Amino acid sequence: MTDMQNTSLAERLAARFGDTLKTSVARNETTAELAAADLLAVATALRDEPGFRFGELVDLCGVDYLGYGQTEWDTTDVTSTGFSRGVEGEAMGRFDWAERPRDVSQPRRFAVVIHLLSVEHNRRLRLRVFCDDDSLPLVPSVTGIWPGANWFEREAFDLYGIVFDGHPDLRRILTDYGFVGHPFRKDFPLIGNVEVRYDAEQKRVVYEPVTSVVPRVLVPRVIRDDADLMQAQAEAADDWRRN
């Protein structure tokens, strides 16, 4: 999609839903943020109304914003030889939600992100729905609108602990039976809680504290507006003006 198409979609969303949606266009992608209470009504309209026809749910996932904006990597004040390892120790896994750094731009912890596709109009849209309660993250299930969301919602429940109200069979889908916790939450222990192995002498599976995995940070978790990206954006803007 071109920037013009995305801008047109954002304008259509604003005209149709007003203050119900907070719409933005960044990096040639349209995102609409809305409250959990409005999700089902908005999703139904996006699927059914002729101006939208988002008939396909491409993806649904959970997001944990614990430590959002924090990083253990220096990114803006490094030398030309590459990244330098930061020493702040403020990244995920080093604090819980109650003790999180307060100078972050995201006051709510959990969100559900839905990616939609309109084959009829050749458009894509991202919906972001924040959970109102951090202790019990809850959003309505969209399986009644897009049945393909079934396993996606089970995955988000399993990995993030987000509850989808109205889901027909909300069970874990990836972790083992009896698993404790939600492994994609950023305050989940980086080395896990227990590891499983088969003991030949006891002739059974045994659970033991994890000792074989060392916590480490390998890649930066920030989007860098470096020279290559800015040059690409300038060239895209020039192409748009010429066309």
C-alpha atoms as a PDB file:
ATOM      1  CA  MET A   1       0.000   0.000   0.000  1.00  0.00           C
ATOM      2  CA  THR A   2       1.112   3.546  -0.718  1.00  0.00           C
ATOM      3  CA  ASP A   3       1.183   6.375   1.821  1.00  0.00           C
ATOM      4  CA  MET A   4      -1.828   7.890   0.054  1.00  0.00           C
ATOM      5  CA  GLN A   5      -3.813   4.665   0.422  1.00  0.00           C
ATOM      6  CA  ASN A   6      -2.955   4.446   4.111  1.00  0.00           C
ATOM      7  CA  THR A   7      -3.894   8.069   4.672  1.00  0.00           C
ATOM      8  CA  SER A   8      -7.177   7.457   2.893  1.00  0.00           C
ATOM      9  CA  LEU A   9      -7.883   4.443   5.111  1.00  0.00           C
ATOM     10  CA  ALA A  10      -7.071   6.441   8.240  1.00  0.00           C
ATOM     11  CA  GLU A  11      -9.447   9.175   7.118  1.00  0.00           C
ATOM     12  CA  ARG A  12     -12.198   6.628   6.411  1.00  0.00           C
ATOM     13  CA  LEU A  13     -11.742   5.109   9.865  1.00  0.00           C
ATOM     14  CA  ALA A  14     -11.875   8.533  11.526  1.00  0.00           C
ATOM     15  CA  ALA A  15     -15.004   9.489   9.595  1.00  0.00           C
ATOM     16  CA  ARG A  16     -16.779   6.226  10.421  1.00  0.00           C
ATOM     17  CA  PHE A  17     -15.771   5.629  14.037  1.00  0.00           C
ATOM     18  CA  GLY A  18     -14.816   9.076  15.320  1.00  0.00           C
ATOM     19  CA  ASP A  19     -13.280   9.093  18.785  1.00  0.00           C
ATOM     20  CA  THR A  20     -13.835   5.354  19.179  1.00  0.00           C
ATOM     21  CA  LEU A  21     -10.621   4.748  17.248  1.00  0.00           C
ATOM     22  CA  LYS A  22      -7.278   6.473  17.645  1.00  0.00           C
ATOM     23  CA  THR A  23      -5.758   6.058  14.190  1.00  0.00           C
ATOM     24  CA  SER A  24      -2.172   6.640  13.120  1.00  0.00           C
ATOM     25  CA  VAL A  25       0.017   5.971  10.082  1.00  0.00           C
ATOM     26  CA  ALA A  26       3.684   5.183  10.656  1.00  0.00           C
ATOM     27  CA  ARG A  27       6.207   3.442   8.403  1.00  0.00           C
ATOM     28  CA  ASN A  28       3.475   3.031   5.803  1.00  0.00           C
ATOM     29  CA  GLU A  29       1.318   1.002   8.227  1.00  0.00           C
ATOM     30  CA  THR A  30      -2.096   1.975   9.591  1.00  0.00           C
ATOM     31  CA  THR A  31      -2.814   1.287  13.250  1.00  0.00           C
ATOM     32  CA  ALA A  32      -6.122   1.852  15.043  1.00  0.00           C
ATOM     33  CA  GLU A  33      -6.204   1.767  18.842  1.00  0.00           C
ATOM     34  CA  LEU A  34      -9.495   1.149  20.620  1.00  0.00           C
ATOM     35  CA  ALA A  35     -10.946   0.148  23.974  1.00  0.00           C
ATOM     36  CA  ALA A  36     -11.749  -3.462  24.741  1.00  0.00           C
ATOM     37  CA  ALA A  37     -15.410  -2.569  25.254  1.00  0.00           C
ATOM     38  CA  ASP A  38     -15.652  -1.363  21.636  1.00  0.00           C
ATOM     39  CA  LEU A  39     -13.783  -4.248  20.010  1.00  0.00           C
ATOM     40  CA  LEU A  40     -16.680  -6.460  18.940  1.00  0.00           C
ATOM     41  CA  ALA A  41     -18.771  -3.665  17.458  1.00  0.00           C
ATOM     42  CA  VAL A  42     -15.828  -2.167  15.577  1.00  0.00           C
ATOM     43  CA  ALA A  43     -14.580  -5.562  14.384  1.00  0.00           C
ATOM     44  CA  THR A  44     -18.017  -6.487  13.044  1.00  0.00           C
ATOM     45  CA  ALA A  45     -18.250  -3.206  11.139  1.00  0.00           C
ATOM     46  CA  LEU A  46     -14.745  -3.623   9.713  1.00  0.00           C
ATOM     47  CA  ARG A  47     -15.643  -7.083   8.463  1.00  0.00           C
ATOM     48  CA  ASP A  48     -19.115  -6.342   7.056  1.00  0.00           C
ATOM     49  CA  GLU A  49     -19.313  -2.755   5.855  1.00  0.00           C
ATOM     50  CA  PRO A  50     -18.628  -2.242   2.108  1.00  0.00           C
ATOM     51  CA  GLY A  51     -16.076   0.489   2.689  1.00  0.00           C
ATOM     52  CA  PHE A  52     -13.813  -1.831   4.707  1.00  0.00           C
ATOM     53  CA  ARG A  53     -14.466  -5.552   4.103  1.00  0.00           C
ATOM     54  CA  PHE A  54     -11.667  -6.813   6.334  1.00  0.00           C
ATOM     55  CA  GLY A  55     -12.725 -10.401   5.900  1.00  0.00           C
ATOM     56  CA  GLU A  56      -9.457 -12.060   6.852  1.00  0.00           C
ATOM     57  CA  LEU A  57      -7.709 -12.082  10.206  1.00  0.00           C
ATOM     58  CA  VAL A  58      -4.042 -12.614   9.392  1.00  0.00           C
ATOM     59  CA  ASP A  59      -2.638 -12.659  12.914  1.00  0.00           C
ATOM     60  CA  LEU A  60      -3.490 -12.016  16.549  1.00  0.00           C
ATOM     61  CA  CYS A  61      -0.940 -11.812  19.336  1.00  0.00           C
ATOM     62  CA  GLY A  62      -0.379 -10.534  22.831  1.00  0.00           C
ATOM     63  CA  VAL A  63       2.086  -7.816  23.841  1.00  0.00           C
ATOM     64  CA  ASP A  64       3.686  -7.167  27.220  1.00  0.00           C
ATOM     65  CA  TYR A  65       4.874  -3.559  27.569  1.00  0.00           C
ATOM     66  CA  LEU A  66       6.836  -4.173  30.754  1.00  0.00           C
ATOM     67  CA  GLY A  67      10.119  -2.323  30.249  1.00  0.00           C
ATOM     68  CA  TYR A  68       8.834  -0.610  27.099  1.00  0.00           C
ATOM     69  CA  GLY A  69      11.386   1.964  25.945  1.00  0.00           C
ATOM     70  CA  GLN A  70      14.122   0.535  28.155  1.00  0.00           C
ATOM     71  CA  THR A  71      17.170  -1.211  26.720  1.00  0.00           C
ATOM     72  CA  GLU A  72      20.463  -2.711  27.816  1.00  0.00           C
ATOM     73  CA  TRP A  73      22.094  -1.556  24.572  1.00  0.00           C
ATOM     74  CA  ASP A  74      23.462   1.849  23.663  1.00  0.00           C
ATOM     75  CA  THR A  75      22.070   2.838  20.281  1.00  0.00           C
ATOM     76  CA  THR A  76      22.460   6.586  19.774  1.00  0.00           C
ATOM     77  CA  ASP A  77      25.822   7.383  21.322  1.00  0.00           C
ATOM     78  CA  VAL A  78      27.978   4.539  20.036  1.00  0.00           C
ATOM     79  CA  THR A  79      31.002   4.637  17.783  1.00  0.00           C
ATOM     80  CA  SER A  80      30.964   3.753  14.096  1.00  0.00           C
ATOM     81  CA  THR A  81      32.373   0.315  14.903  1.00  0.00           C
ATOM     82  CA  GLY A  82      29.018  -1.016  16.119  1.00  0.00           C
ATOM     83  CA  PHE A  83      26.838  -1.383  19.177  1.00  0.00           C
ATOM     84  CA  SER A  84      28.205  -1.179  22.694  1.00  0.00           C
ATOM     85  CA  ARG A  85      26.727  -3.155  25.533  1.00  0.00           C
ATOM     86  CA  GLY A  86      24.820  -0.897  27.926  1.00  0.00           C
ATOM     87  CA  VAL A  87      25.309  -1.119  31.648  1.00  0.00           C
ATOM     88  CA  GLU A  88      22.060   0.362  32.918  1.00  0.00           C
ATOM     89  CA  GLY A  89      20.504  -3.035  33.637  1.00  0.00           C
ATOM     90  CA  GLU A  90      17.009  -1.666  33.091  1.00  0.00           C
ATOM     91  CA  ALA A  91      15.763  -4.205  30.580  1.00  0.00           C
ATOM     92  CA  MET A  92      13.125  -6.883  31.001  1.00  0.00           C
ATOM     93  CA  GLY A  93      13.689  -9.561  33.589  1.00  0.00           C
ATOM     94  CA  ARG A  94      15.350  -7.202  36.075  1.00  0.00           C
ATOM     95  CA  PHE A  95      12.187  -5.774  37.655  1.00  0.00           C
ATOM     96  CA  ASP A  96       8.489  -6.501  37.964  1.00  0.00           C
ATOM     97  CA  TRP A  97       5.546  -4.340  36.899  1.00  0.00           C
ATOM     98  CA  ALA A  98       5.127  -2.626  40.265  1.00  0.00           C
ATOM     99  CA  GLU A  99       8.817  -1.658  40.338  1.00  0.00           C
ATOM    100  CA  ARG A 100       9.100  -0.728  36.650  1.00  0.00           C
ATOM    101  CA  PRO A 101      10.870   2.459  35.542  1.00  0.00           C
ATOM    102  CA  ARG A 102       8.373   5.313  35.608  1.00  0.00           C
ATOM    103  CA  ASP A 103       9.776   7.346  32.730  1.00  0.00           C
ATOM    104  CA  VAL A 104       8.205   5.155  30.050  1.00  0.00           C
ATOM    105  CA  SER A 105       5.511   6.276  27.626  1.00  0.00           C
ATOM    106  CA  GLN A 106       3.236   3.258  28.088  1.00  0.00           C
ATOM    107  CA  PRO A 107       1.152   3.247  31.297  1.00  0.00           C
ATOM    108  CA  ARG A 108      -0.697  -0.029  30.554  1.00  0.00           C
ATOM    109  CA  ARG A 109       1.038  -3.363  30.444  1.00  0.00           C
ATOM    110  CA  PHE A 110      -0.871  -5.824  28.245  1.00  0.00           C
ATOM    111  CA  ALA A 111      -2.388  -5.392  24.800  1.00  0.00           C
ATOM    112  CA  VAL A 112      -3.788  -7.547  22.022  1.00  0.00           C
ATOM    113  CA  VAL A 113      -2.727  -6.745  18.452  1.00  0.00           C
ATOM    114  CA  ILE A 114      -4.816  -7.928  15.499  1.00  0.00           C
ATOM    115  CA  HIS A 115      -3.721  -7.748  11.862  1.00  0.00           C
ATOM    116  CA  LEU A 116      -6.501  -7.638   9.274  1.00  0.00           C
ATOM    117  CA  LEU A 117      -6.556  -7.963   5.497  1.00  0.00           C
ATOM    118  CA  SER A 118      -9.183  -6.748   3.038  1.00  0.00           C
ATOM    119  CA  VAL A 119      -8.723  -8.757  -0.152  1.00  0.00           C
ATOM    120  CA  GLU A 120     -11.512  -6.801  -1.828  1.00  0.00           C
ATOM    121  CA  HIS A 121      -9.857  -3.411  -1.259  1.00  0.00           C
ATOM    122  CA  ASN A 122      -6.219  -4.607  -1.023  1.00  0.00           C
ATOM    123  CA  ARG A 123      -5.769  -2.971   2.395  1.00  0.00           C
ATOM    124  CA  ARG A 124      -4.228  -3.998   5.677  1.00  0.00           C
ATOM    125  CA  LEU A 125      -5.023  -2.712   9.154  1.00  0.00           C
ATOM    126  CA  ARG A 126      -3.603  -3.238  12.627  1.00  0.00           C
ATOM    127  CA  LEU A 127      -5.902  -3.054  15.651  1.00  0.00           C
ATOM    128  CA  ARG A 128      -4.424  -2.597  19.126  1.00  0.00           C
ATOM    129  CA  VAL A 129      -6.568  -3.192  22.194  1.00  0.00           C
ATOM    130  CA  PHE A 130      -5.160  -2.534  25.666  1.00  0.00           C
ATOM    131  CA  CYS A 131      -6.317  -4.551  28.651  1.00  0.00           C
ATOM    132  CA  ASP A 132      -7.819  -2.399  31.393  1.00  0.00           C
ATOM    133  CA  ASP A 133      -6.637  -4.568  34.298  1.00  0.00           C
ATOM    134  CA  ASP A 134      -2.962  -5.560  34.492  1.00  0.00           C
ATOM    135  CA  SER A 135      -3.649  -8.189  37.163  1.00  0.00           C
ATOM    136  CA  LEU A 136      -6.330  -9.883  35.030  1.00  0.00           C
ATOM    137  CA  PRO A 137      -5.842  -8.868  31.388  1.00  0.00           C
ATOM    138  CA  LEU A 138      -9.159  -9.382  29.626  1.00  0.00           C
ATOM    139  CA  VAL A 139     -10.476  -8.645  26.135  1.00  0.00           C
ATOM    140  CA  PRO A 140     -13.476 -10.008  24.199  1.00  0.00           C
ATOM    141  CA  SER A 141     -12.859 -12.964  21.912  1.00  0.00           C
ATOM    142  CA  VAL A 142     -13.225 -12.257  18.185  1.00  0.00           C
ATOM    143  CA  THR A 143     -13.715 -15.921  17.261  1.00  0.00           C
ATOM    144  CA  GLY A 144     -17.381 -15.196  16.533  1.00  0.00           C
ATOM    145  CA  ILE A 145     -16.287 -12.661  13.895  1.00  0.00           C
ATOM    146  CA  TRP A 146     -13.140 -14.323  12.545  1.00  0.00           C
ATOM    147  CA  PRO A 147     -13.183 -18.034  13.508  1.00  0.00           C
ATOM    148  CA  GLY A 148      -9.520 -18.312  12.546  1.00  0.00           C
ATOM    149  CA  ALA A 149      -8.643 -16.363  15.707  1.00  0.00           C
ATOM    150  CA  ASN A 150      -9.320 -19.466  17.812  1.00  0.00           C
ATOM    151  CA  TRP A 151      -5.798 -20.845  18.094  1.00  0.00           C
ATOM    152  CA  PHE A 152      -4.214 -17.372  18.022  1.00  0.00           C
ATOM    153  CA  GLU A 153      -6.194 -16.425  21.126  1.00  0.00           C
ATOM    154  CA  ARG A 154      -5.264 -19.680  22.848  1.00  0.00           C
ATOM    155  CA  GLU A 155      -1.614 -18.919  22.120  1.00  0.00           C
ATOM    156  CA  ALA A 156      -1.888 -15.397  23.592  1.00  0.00           C
ATOM    157  CA  PHE A 157      -3.631 -16.854  26.636  1.00  0.00           C
ATOM    158  CA  ASP A 158      -0.942 -19.500  27.067  1.00  0.00           C
ATOM    159  CA  LEU A 159       2.086 -17.253  26.597  1.00  0.00           C
ATOM    160  CA  TYR A 160       0.842 -13.950  28.061  1.00  0.00           C
ATOM    161  CA  GLY A 161      -2.046 -14.904  30.340  1.00  0.00           C
ATOM    162  CA  ILE A 162      -4.504 -12.707  28.437  1.00  0.00           C
ATOM    163  CA  VAL A 163      -8.063 -13.975  28.899  1.00  0.00           C
ATOM    164  CA  PHE A 164     -10.405 -13.844  25.900  1.00  0.00           C
ATOM    165  CA  ASP A 165     -13.962 -13.512  27.125  1.00  0.00           C
ATOM    166  CA  GLY A 166     -16.325 -15.687  25.085  1.00  0.00           C
ATOM    167  CA  HIS A 167     -13.689 -17.986  23.616  1.00  0.00           C
ATOM    168  CA  PRO A 168     -15.244 -21.437  23.045  1.00  0.00           C
ATOM    169  CA  ASP A 169     -12.264 -23.463  24.365  1.00  0.00           C
ATOM    170  CA  LEU A 170      -9.652 -21.314  26.079  1.00  0.00           C
ATOM    171  CA  ARG A 171      -6.877 -23.748  27.014  1.00  0.00           C
ATOM    172  CA  ARG A 172      -3.095 -23.697  26.802  1.00  0.00           C
ATOM    173  CA  ILE A 173      -1.831 -24.693  23.393  1.00  0.00           C
ATOM    174  CA  LEU A 174       1.995 -24.675  23.499  1.00  0.00           C
ATOM    175  CA  THR A 175       3.173 -25.299  27.045  1.00  0.00           C
ATOM    176  CA  ASP A 176       3.019 -28.616  28.878  1.00  0.00           C
ATOM    177  CA  TYR A 177       0.213 -29.826  31.121  1.00  0.00           C
ATOM    178  CA  GLY A 178       0.484 -28.246  34.552  1.00  0.00           C
ATOM    179  CA  PHE A 179       2.827 -25.479  33.354  1.00  0.00           C
ATOM    180  CA  VAL A 180       2.985 -22.603  35.835  1.00  0.00           C
ATOM    181  CA  GLY A 181       3.148 -19.010  34.578  1.00  0.00           C
ATOM    182  CA  HIS A 182       3.179 -17.444  31.142  1.00  0.00           C
ATOM    183  CA  PRO A 183       6.610 -17.632  29.459  1.00  0.00           C
ATOM    184  CA  PHE A 184       6.313 -14.576  27.185  1.00  0.00           C
ATOM    185  CA  ARG A 185       5.623 -12.211  30.059  1.00  0.00           C
ATOM    186  CA  LYS A 186       8.721 -10.116  30.490  1.00  0.00           C
ATOM    187  CA  ASP A 187       8.971 -10.733  34.204  1.00  0.00           C
ATOM    188  CA  PHE A 188       8.975 -14.499  33.657  1.00  0.00           C
ATOM    189  CA  PRO A 189      12.375 -15.861  34.757  1.00  0.00           C
ATOM    190  CA  LEU A 190      14.778 -15.712  31.817  1.00  0.00           C
ATOM    191  CA  ILE A 191      16.099 -19.146  32.708  1.00  0.00           C
ATOM    192  CA  GLY A 192      12.652 -20.576  33.337  1.00  0.00           C
ATOM    193  CA  ASN A 193      11.498 -22.298  36.488  1.00  0.00           C
ATOM    194  CA  VAL A 194      12.103 -25.982  35.845  1.00  0.00           C
ATOM    195  CA  GLU A 195      13.482 -28.195  33.114  1.00  0.00           C
ATOM    196  CA  VAL A 196      12.292 -31.660  32.158  1.00  0.00           C
ATOM    197  CA  ARG A 197      14.383 -34.710  31.323  1.00  0.00           C
ATOM    198  CA  TYR A 198      13.997 -38.452  31.247  1.00  0.00           C
ATOM    199  CA  ASP A 199      15.868 -40.255  34.017  1.00  0.00           C
ATOM    200  CA  ALA A 200      16.969 -43.689  32.811  1.00  0.00           C
ATOM    201  CA  GLU A 201      17.620 -44.969  36.321  1.00  0.00           C
ATOM    202  CA  GLN A 202      14.227 -43.930  37.666  1.00  0.00           C
ATOM    203  CA  LYS A 203      12.606 -44.768  34.311  1.00  0.00           C
ATOM    204  CA  ARG A 204      10.446 -41.682  34.408  1.00  0.00           C
ATOM    205  CA  VAL A 205      10.379 -37.991  33.527  1.00  0.00           C
ATOM    206  CA  VAL A 206      11.798 -35.770  36.269  1.00  0.00           C
ATOM    207  CA  TYR A 207      11.456 -32.025  36.850  1.00  0.00           C
ATOM    208  CA  GLU A 208      14.490 -30.120  38.098  1.00  0.00           C
ATOM    209  CA  PRO A 209      15.431 -26.446  38.650  1.00  0.00           C
ATOM    210  CA  VAL A 210      16.955 -24.908  35.556  1.00  0.00           C
ATOM    211  CA  THR A 211      20.747 -24.712  35.779  1.00  0.00           C
ATOM    212  CA  SER A 212      21.927 -25.039  32.190  1.00  0.00           C
ATOM    213  CA  VAL A 213      20.753 -21.731  30.685  1.00  0.00           C
ATOM    214  CA  VAL A 214      22.618 -18.464  31.271  1.00  0.00           C
ATOM    215  CA  PRO A 215      20.604 -15.196  30.872  1.00  0.00           C
ATOM    216  CA  ARG A 216      22.012 -12.930  28.181  1.00  0.00           C
ATOM    217  CA  VAL A 217      21.000 -10.089  25.892  1.00  0.00           C
ATOM    218  CA  LEU A 218      21.947 -10.625  22.260  1.00  0.00           C
ATOM    219  CA  VAL A 219      20.247  -7.954  20.156  1.00  0.00           C
ATOM    220  CA  PRO A 220      18.964  -4.417  20.689  1.00  0.00           C
ATOM    221  CA  ARG A 221      15.203  -4.082  21.213  1.00  0.00           C
ATOM    222  CA  VAL A 222      14.738  -0.610  19.733  1.00  0.00           C
ATOM    223  CA  ILE A 223      13.879   0.738  16.296  1.00  0.00           C
ATOM    224  CA  ARG A 224      16.771   2.821  15.012  1.00  0.00           C
ATOM    225  CA  ASP A 225      16.118   5.713  12.627  1.00  0.00           C
ATOM    226  CA  ASP A 226      19.568   5.424  11.094  1.00  0.00           C
ATOM    227  CA  ALA A 227      20.895   6.996   7.899  1.00  0.00           C
ATOM    228  CA  ASP A 228      19.833   4.135   5.626  1.00  0.00           C
ATOM    229  CA  LEU A 229      16.251   4.293   6.860  1.00  0.00           C
ATOM    230  CA  MET A 230      16.059   8.080   6.546  1.00  0.00           C
ATOM    231  CA  GLN A 231      17.465   7.908   3.013  1.00  0.00           C
ATOM    232  CA  ALA A 232      14.866   5.298   2.035  1.00  0.00           C
ATOM    233  CA  GLN A 233      12.085   7.468   3.446  1.00  0.00           C
ATOM    234  CA  ALA A 234      13.354  10.507   1.506  1.00  0.00           C
ATOM    235  CA  GLU A 235      13.486   8.522  -1.729  1.00  0.00           C
ATOM    236  CA  ALA A 236       9.977   7.187  -1.165  1.00  0.00           C
ATOM    237  CA  ALA A 237       8.698  10.726  -0.598  1.00  0.00           C
ATOM    238  CA  ASP A 238      10.348  11.901  -3.831  1.00  0.00           C
ATOM    239  CA  ASP A 239       8.765   9.011  -5.755  1.00  0.00           C
ATOM    240  CA  TRP A 240       5.347   9.892  -4.331  1.00  0.00           C
ATOM    241  CA  ARG A 241       5.705  13.556  -5.362  1.00  0.00           C
ATOM    242  CA  ARG A 242       6.747  12.627  -8.904  1.00  0.00           C
ATOM    243  CA  ASN A 243       3.806  10.264  -9.278  1.00  0.00           C
END
